[in-house]
């Protein structure tokens, strides 16, 4: 079985991730020198990484992103350059050709969520470079994006705060929003400024490795006759993963959020799909990296190929799709699609009016 102990860690080198870290005082921090792995990832060699090398990358990124953890004063360094390198590598190892390599890695470190945690740990380091002239730092690659923004709160802070993914829309699929009421509550707590952190991850590897076959079905109540015609098959990640965090000077401040995500998973038309709003809880089964949970989350708007969710806290979110094997006549399927499309438009307008 693959394990972290099976990976040979060479002598620490500041040349890892192809970054010029030799000038940094941070070279004194211990970290695995898997520079050959980083070079191979960045060079996009034809031969994909195997599980052992992929695990080495995941551990390497974790070591790098805990730089300065526990230090009494913020450390200085080329954090922007470091962030560019880490997000680039994270994006490359989420490419589809590495899907098979991720399966054994998931048994050791919790799969891609361990990678996401490393990317998100960059935020406190990047927040140190925010200044009034540049209150926002943003980087994105093909599969990963990260944004850190300093938000000044005043009595005029009455608008919601929205983050939009590439090709997303602030009023449609591909965004996450901190409602205006939550922004007012931050001001009511006496906060004059906060740091808002958003990230997104989009890859078919999420569907391959982060499904929950045993997650209890949450389908709506149906008749006994209808229940006999459908069989629960399992739960899979049906969208990108998007996150929202708010920090003040003392730590994280939890806020409610809404998010609207496009369904990305490929499901046979013959299957019944029930979207579920969920978040990743690292506290559940910590030995395996966590698990999906639904506490505090609910579906706000259900469309044919996207879902809007409300959650009363902030973390990493996704739309899960619970898949059922069901027997339906062709005319029933056509009617269902028509009602779904019409219902989406009506419910979305009602949701906006209520918000």
Protein backbone atom coordinates (compact mmCIF):
# COMPACT_ATOMS: atom_id res chain seq x y z
CA UNK A 1 0.00 0.00 0.00
CA UNK A 2 1.22 3.49 -0.82
CA UNK A 3 2.38 5.47 2.20
CA UNK A 4 4.16 8.71 2.92
CA UNK A 5 6.98 6.77 4.53
CA UNK A 6 7.70 5.02 1.23
CA UNK A 7 8.73 8.31 -0.41
CA UNK A 8 12.48 9.05 -0.20
CA UNK A 9 13.03 12.70 0.75
CA UNK A 10 16.40 14.08 -0.50
CA UNK A 11 18.36 16.84 1.21
CA UNK A 12 16.41 20.14 1.36
CA UNK A 13 17.07 22.44 -1.60
CA UNK A 14 15.82 25.96 -2.09
CA UNK A 15 15.51 25.40 -5.83
CA UNK A 16 12.29 23.36 -5.51
CA UNK A 17 9.28 24.47 -7.55
CA UNK A 18 11.73 26.24 -9.89
CA UNK A 19 11.45 29.30 -7.67
CA UNK A 20 14.45 31.47 -6.80
CA UNK A 21 14.32 30.89 -3.06
CA UNK A 22 18.08 30.94 -2.46
CA UNK A 23 17.91 34.59 -1.47
CA UNK A 24 15.19 33.93 1.09
CA UNK A 25 15.92 33.48 4.75
CA UNK A 26 13.13 30.92 4.60
CA UNK A 27 15.63 28.42 3.21
CA UNK A 28 16.29 27.40 6.78
CA UNK A 29 12.85 25.80 7.00
CA UNK A 30 12.88 22.03 6.47
CA UNK A 31 11.01 20.79 3.45
CA UNK A 32 11.39 17.82 1.09
CA UNK A 33 13.54 18.64 -1.93
CA UNK A 34 11.48 16.96 -4.59
CA UNK A 35 12.79 19.39 -7.17
CA UNK A 36 12.89 16.64 -9.79
CA UNK A 37 9.17 16.06 -9.23
CA UNK A 38 8.38 19.77 -9.49
CA UNK A 39 10.43 20.13 -12.66
CA UNK A 40 8.66 17.14 -14.16
CA UNK A 41 5.22 18.54 -13.34
CA UNK A 42 6.01 22.01 -14.63
CA UNK A 43 7.60 20.63 -17.79
CA UNK A 44 4.45 18.59 -18.52
CA UNK A 45 6.34 15.52 -19.60
CA UNK A 46 4.52 13.02 -21.75
CA UNK A 47 4.72 10.31 -19.09
CA UNK A 48 2.27 11.23 -16.28
CA UNK A 49 3.28 11.12 -12.64
CA UNK A 50 2.76 7.87 -10.77
CA UNK A 51 1.11 7.66 -7.32
CA UNK A 52 4.41 7.86 -5.40
CA UNK A 53 5.56 10.99 -7.24
CA UNK A 54 2.11 12.55 -6.92
CA UNK A 55 2.13 11.92 -3.18
CA UNK A 56 5.55 13.53 -3.03
CA UNK A 57 4.15 16.65 -4.72
CA UNK A 58 1.22 16.83 -2.29
CA UNK A 59 3.54 16.54 0.74
CA UNK A 60 5.95 19.04 -0.77
CA UNK A 61 3.25 21.66 -1.29
CA UNK A 62 2.01 21.11 2.25
CA UNK A 63 5.51 21.71 3.65
CA UNK A 64 5.96 24.87 1.60
CA UNK A 65 2.59 26.41 2.49
CA UNK A 66 3.13 26.09 6.24
CA UNK A 67 6.13 28.41 6.02
CA UNK A 68 6.04 30.80 8.91
CA UNK A 69 3.20 29.05 10.71
CA UNK A 70 3.36 29.97 14.37
CA UNK A 71 5.80 32.83 13.81
CA UNK A 72 5.03 35.81 16.09
CA UNK A 73 5.56 38.32 13.26
CA UNK A 74 4.62 38.03 9.58
CA UNK A 75 7.57 36.81 7.55
CA UNK A 76 8.78 38.64 4.49
CA UNK A 77 9.49 36.91 1.23
CA UNK A 78 8.54 36.67 -2.45
CA UNK A 79 5.10 35.34 -1.59
CA UNK A 80 3.59 36.32 -4.94
CA UNK A 81 6.21 34.31 -6.82
CA UNK A 82 5.73 31.41 -4.44
CA UNK A 83 1.96 31.59 -4.86
CA UNK A 84 2.24 31.59 -8.64
CA UNK A 85 4.37 28.45 -8.53
CA UNK A 86 2.18 26.55 -6.09
CA UNK A 87 -1.10 27.33 -7.85
CA UNK A 88 0.49 26.37 -11.16
CA UNK A 89 1.64 22.98 -9.84
CA UNK A 90 -1.72 22.38 -8.13
CA UNK A 91 -3.49 23.02 -11.42
CA UNK A 92 -1.20 20.68 -13.36
CA UNK A 93 -1.64 17.74 -10.99
CA UNK A 94 -5.43 18.07 -11.33
CA UNK A 95 -5.29 17.35 -15.06
CA UNK A 96 -7.40 14.40 -16.17
CA UNK A 97 -4.47 12.17 -17.15
CA UNK A 98 -3.53 11.84 -13.46
CA UNK A 99 -6.94 10.52 -12.39
CA UNK A 100 -5.71 6.94 -11.90
CA UNK A 101 -2.69 8.11 -9.87
CA UNK A 102 -4.97 10.01 -7.47
CA UNK A 103 -6.95 6.94 -6.41
CA UNK A 104 -4.22 5.33 -4.20
CA UNK A 105 -3.08 8.76 -3.03
CA UNK A 106 -6.59 9.46 -1.78
CA UNK A 107 -6.29 6.53 0.62
CA UNK A 108 -3.27 8.18 2.26
CA UNK A 109 -3.88 11.94 2.34
CA UNK A 110 -7.56 12.41 1.51
CA UNK A 111 -7.11 13.01 -2.19
CA UNK A 112 -7.38 16.42 -3.88
CA UNK A 113 -8.74 18.09 -0.73
CA UNK A 114 -5.24 17.87 0.78
CA UNK A 115 -3.99 19.75 -2.26
CA UNK A 116 -6.73 22.35 -1.89
CA UNK A 117 -5.88 22.85 1.78
CA UNK A 118 -2.29 23.63 0.80
CA UNK A 119 -3.37 26.20 -1.79
CA UNK A 120 -5.69 27.86 0.71
CA UNK A 121 -2.93 28.05 3.32
CA UNK A 122 -1.21 30.50 0.99
CA UNK A 123 -3.80 33.14 1.82
CA UNK A 124 -2.30 34.36 5.14
CA UNK A 125 1.09 34.75 3.45
CA UNK A 126 -0.38 36.58 0.48
CA UNK A 127 -2.43 38.87 2.71
CA UNK A 128 0.84 40.39 3.94
CA UNK A 129 1.46 41.91 0.50
CA UNK A 130 -1.94 43.65 0.32
CA UNK A 131 -1.69 47.43 0.52
CA UNK A 132 -4.11 50.29 -0.03
CA UNK A 133 -2.77 50.75 -3.57
CA UNK A 134 -3.30 47.05 -4.28
CA UNK A 135 -6.02 45.64 -2.02
CA UNK A 136 -6.61 42.53 -4.14
CA UNK A 137 -4.36 39.65 -5.18
CA UNK A 138 -5.63 37.14 -7.72
CA UNK A 139 -4.10 34.21 -9.57
CA UNK A 140 -5.64 31.48 -11.64
CA UNK A 141 -4.58 28.61 -13.83
CA UNK A 142 -6.52 26.06 -15.82
CA UNK A 143 -7.85 24.08 -12.83
CA UNK A 144 -7.27 26.31 -9.81
CA UNK A 145 -7.90 29.91 -8.78
CA UNK A 146 -7.17 31.88 -5.61
CA UNK A 147 -8.12 35.42 -4.61
CA UNK A 148 -7.19 37.37 -1.48
CA UNK A 149 -8.77 40.79 -0.97
CA UNK A 150 -8.68 43.41 1.74
CA UNK A 151 -12.22 44.71 2.32
CA UNK A 152 -12.69 48.06 4.05
CA UNK A 153 -15.96 48.25 5.96
CA UNK A 154 -17.86 51.51 6.41
CA UNK A 155 -21.39 52.54 7.25
CA UNK A 156 -21.97 52.56 3.49
CA UNK A 157 -21.09 48.85 3.26
CA UNK A 158 -24.57 47.76 2.30
CA UNK A 159 -23.82 45.62 -0.76
CA UNK A 160 -23.10 41.92 -0.88
CA UNK A 161 -19.62 40.69 -1.75
CA UNK A 162 -19.45 38.34 -4.72
CA UNK A 163 -16.64 36.27 -6.21
CA UNK A 164 -17.00 34.90 -9.74
CA UNK A 165 -15.18 31.97 -11.29
CA UNK A 166 -13.84 32.14 -14.86
CA UNK A 167 -16.76 32.02 -17.31
CA UNK A 168 -19.10 32.45 -14.35
CA UNK A 169 -21.67 35.17 -13.81
CA UNK A 170 -22.45 37.15 -10.63
CA UNK A 171 -26.16 36.49 -11.17
CA UNK A 172 -25.81 33.02 -12.65
CA UNK A 173 -23.77 29.82 -12.32
CA UNK A 174 -20.15 30.14 -11.23
CA UNK A 175 -20.21 32.49 -8.24
CA UNK A 176 -20.25 32.60 -4.45
CA UNK A 177 -21.73 35.51 -2.52
CA UNK A 178 -21.53 36.88 1.00
CA UNK A 179 -25.00 38.45 1.39
CA UNK A 180 -25.39 42.12 2.24
CA UNK A 181 -26.86 41.23 5.61
CA UNK A 182 -23.69 39.33 6.52
CA UNK A 183 -21.52 42.31 5.51
CA UNK A 184 -23.63 44.54 7.78
CA UNK A 185 -23.16 42.08 10.65
CA UNK A 186 -19.38 42.26 10.23
CA UNK A 187 -19.61 46.03 10.59
CA UNK A 188 -21.91 45.58 13.58
CA UNK A 189 -19.20 43.51 15.30
CA UNK A 190 -16.98 46.56 15.27
CA UNK A 191 -14.79 45.40 12.39
CA UNK A 192 -13.45 48.16 10.18
CA UNK A 193 -11.74 45.81 7.76
CA UNK A 194 -11.47 42.11 6.93
CA UNK A 195 -9.58 39.89 4.52
CA UNK A 196 -11.83 37.92 2.16
CA UNK A 197 -10.42 34.73 0.64
CA UNK A 198 -11.96 32.84 -2.26
CA UNK A 199 -10.74 29.85 -4.21
CA UNK A 200 -12.07 27.42 -6.80
CA UNK A 201 -11.04 24.03 -8.14
CA UNK A 202 -12.46 22.42 -11.27
CA UNK A 203 -11.41 18.97 -12.52
CA UNK A 204 -12.97 15.65 -13.43
CA UNK A 205 -10.59 14.15 -10.84
CA UNK A 206 -12.96 15.52 -8.20
CA UNK A 207 -15.70 13.27 -9.52
CA UNK A 208 -13.35 10.26 -9.59
CA UNK A 209 -11.95 10.60 -6.07
CA UNK A 210 -14.31 12.58 -3.84
CA UNK A 211 -17.59 10.73 -4.28
CA UNK A 212 -19.56 9.48 -1.27
CA UNK A 213 -21.09 6.10 -2.14
CA UNK A 214 -22.38 5.73 1.40
CA UNK A 215 -23.82 9.22 1.89
CA UNK A 216 -27.40 8.85 3.05
CA UNK A 217 -29.90 9.72 0.27
CA UNK A 218 -31.66 13.07 0.75
CA UNK A 219 -34.27 12.75 -1.97
CA UNK A 220 -37.66 14.38 -1.33
CA UNK A 221 -40.55 12.33 -0.05
CA UNK A 222 -42.06 10.16 -2.73
CA UNK A 223 -44.85 7.66 -2.87
CA UNK A 224 -44.22 4.02 -2.10
CA UNK A 225 -45.06 3.13 -5.69
CA UNK A 226 -42.52 5.61 -7.06
CA UNK A 227 -39.93 4.41 -4.59
CA UNK A 228 -40.20 0.90 -6.01
CA UNK A 229 -39.29 2.26 -9.45
CA UNK A 230 -35.99 3.84 -8.40
CA UNK A 231 -32.82 2.52 -6.80
CA UNK A 232 -30.17 4.66 -5.10
CA UNK A 233 -26.80 4.18 -6.82
CA UNK A 234 -24.54 6.61 -4.97
CA UNK A 235 -23.38 10.20 -4.62
CA UNK A 236 -20.78 12.00 -6.72
CA UNK A 237 -19.29 15.47 -6.87
CA UNK A 238 -21.37 17.25 -9.48
CA UNK A 239 -19.69 20.66 -9.72
CA UNK A 240 -16.54 22.63 -9.19
CA UNK A 241 -15.48 23.20 -5.58
CA UNK A 242 -15.66 26.83 -4.46
CA UNK A 243 -14.75 28.36 -1.11
CA UNK A 244 -15.23 31.53 0.89
CA UNK A 245 -13.46 32.63 4.06
CA UNK A 246 -13.44 35.91 6.01
CA UNK A 247 -10.61 36.75 8.41
CA UNK A 248 -10.06 39.60 10.84
CA UNK A 249 -6.91 40.28 12.85
CA UNK A 250 -7.68 37.52 15.35
CA UNK A 251 -8.77 34.71 13.04
CA UNK A 252 -11.56 33.43 10.84
CA UNK A 253 -15.05 34.94 11.06
CA UNK A 254 -17.81 32.62 9.89
CA UNK A 255 -20.42 34.07 7.54
CA UNK A 256 -23.37 32.67 5.66
CA UNK A 257 -22.99 32.40 1.89
CA UNK A 258 -24.96 31.58 -1.23
CA UNK A 259 -23.37 29.94 -4.24
CA UNK A 260 -24.56 28.94 -7.70
CA UNK A 261 -22.64 26.18 -9.50
CA UNK A 262 -22.98 24.50 -12.87
CA UNK A 263 -23.39 20.72 -12.90
CA UNK A 264 -20.28 19.19 -14.44
CA UNK A 265 -20.68 15.46 -13.85
CA UNK A 266 -21.78 13.33 -16.77
CA UNK A 267 -24.88 11.33 -15.81
CA UNK A 268 -26.91 9.11 -18.10
CA UNK A 269 -30.28 10.63 -19.11
CA UNK A 270 -31.89 7.44 -17.87
CA UNK A 271 -30.78 8.22 -14.31
CA UNK A 272 -32.59 10.42 -11.81
CA UNK A 273 -30.31 13.05 -10.28
CA UNK A 274 -31.03 14.84 -7.01
CA UNK A 275 -28.64 17.75 -6.26
CA UNK A 276 -27.44 18.20 -2.67
CA UNK A 277 -25.64 21.25 -1.26
CA UNK A 278 -22.61 20.16 0.75
CA UNK A 279 -19.31 21.26 2.27
CA UNK A 280 -16.06 19.46 3.01
CA UNK A 281 -15.58 18.83 6.74
CA UNK A 282 -11.94 18.10 7.57
CA UNK A 283 -12.98 17.08 11.10
CA UNK A 284 -14.93 14.05 9.88
CA UNK A 285 -12.63 11.02 9.57
CA UNK A 286 -9.45 13.14 9.95
CA UNK A 287 -7.26 10.09 9.30
CA UNK A 288 -8.57 10.00 5.73
CA UNK A 289 -8.65 13.77 5.20
CA UNK A 290 -12.30 14.50 5.95
CA UNK A 291 -15.65 13.92 4.27
CA UNK A 292 -18.65 15.70 2.78
CA UNK A 293 -21.34 17.02 5.12
CA UNK A 294 -24.61 18.87 4.61
CA UNK A 295 -25.34 20.47 8.01
CA UNK A 296 -26.45 24.08 7.59
CA UNK A 297 -26.73 23.84 3.80
CA UNK A 298 -29.87 23.72 1.68
CA UNK A 299 -30.95 24.02 -1.95
CA UNK A 300 -32.24 27.52 -2.74
CA UNK A 301 -32.83 27.18 -6.48
CA UNK A 302 -32.85 24.04 -8.58
CA UNK A 303 -32.28 24.30 -12.34
CA UNK A 304 -31.90 21.64 -14.98
CA UNK A 305 -28.09 21.88 -15.09
CA UNK A 306 -27.16 24.08 -12.12
CA UNK A 307 -28.05 24.58 -8.45
CA UNK A 308 -28.07 27.56 -6.09
CA UNK A 309 -27.31 26.79 -2.45
CA UNK A 310 -27.45 28.57 0.89
CA UNK A 311 -25.09 27.64 3.74
CA UNK A 312 -25.01 29.29 7.16
CA UNK A 313 -21.21 29.09 7.40
CA UNK A 314 -18.13 29.50 5.19
CA UNK A 315 -15.75 26.80 3.95
CA UNK A 316 -15.30 24.60 0.81
CA UNK A 317 -18.56 23.93 -1.03
CA UNK A 318 -19.84 21.83 -3.90
CA UNK A 319 -23.03 20.48 -5.36
CA UNK A 320 -23.23 16.72 -4.93
CA UNK A 321 -25.43 14.67 -7.22
CA UNK A 322 -27.30 11.73 -5.75
CA UNK A 323 -27.93 9.32 -8.60
CA UNK A 324 -30.86 6.92 -8.84
CA UNK A 325 -31.65 4.23 -11.35
CA UNK A 326 -35.24 4.91 -12.39
CA UNK A 327 -37.67 3.70 -15.00
CA UNK A 328 -39.62 6.48 -16.73
CA UNK A 329 -41.62 6.67 -19.90
CA UNK A 330 -40.40 9.05 -22.64
CA UNK A 331 -43.34 11.44 -22.21
CA UNK A 332 -42.68 11.63 -18.46
CA UNK A 333 -39.04 12.50 -19.08
CA UNK A 334 -39.95 15.26 -21.53
CA UNK A 335 -42.50 16.77 -19.13
CA UNK A 336 -40.01 16.64 -16.27
CA UNK A 337 -37.37 18.56 -18.25
CA UNK A 338 -39.90 21.21 -19.27
CA UNK A 339 -41.10 21.73 -15.71
CA UNK A 340 -37.51 21.84 -14.44
CA UNK A 341 -36.49 24.60 -16.87
CA UNK A 342 -39.60 26.68 -16.15
CA UNK A 343 -39.29 26.18 -12.41
CA UNK A 344 -35.68 27.31 -12.45
CA UNK A 345 -36.53 30.69 -13.94
CA UNK A 346 -39.41 31.33 -11.54
CA UNK A 347 -37.56 30.19 -8.43
CA UNK A 348 -34.45 32.20 -9.34
CA UNK A 349 -36.47 35.41 -9.62
CA UNK A 350 -38.12 34.69 -6.28
CA UNK A 351 -34.70 34.00 -4.74
CA UNK A 352 -33.35 37.34 -5.96
CA UNK A 353 -36.43 39.16 -4.68
CA UNK A 354 -36.08 37.54 -1.27
CA UNK A 355 -32.34 38.33 -1.09
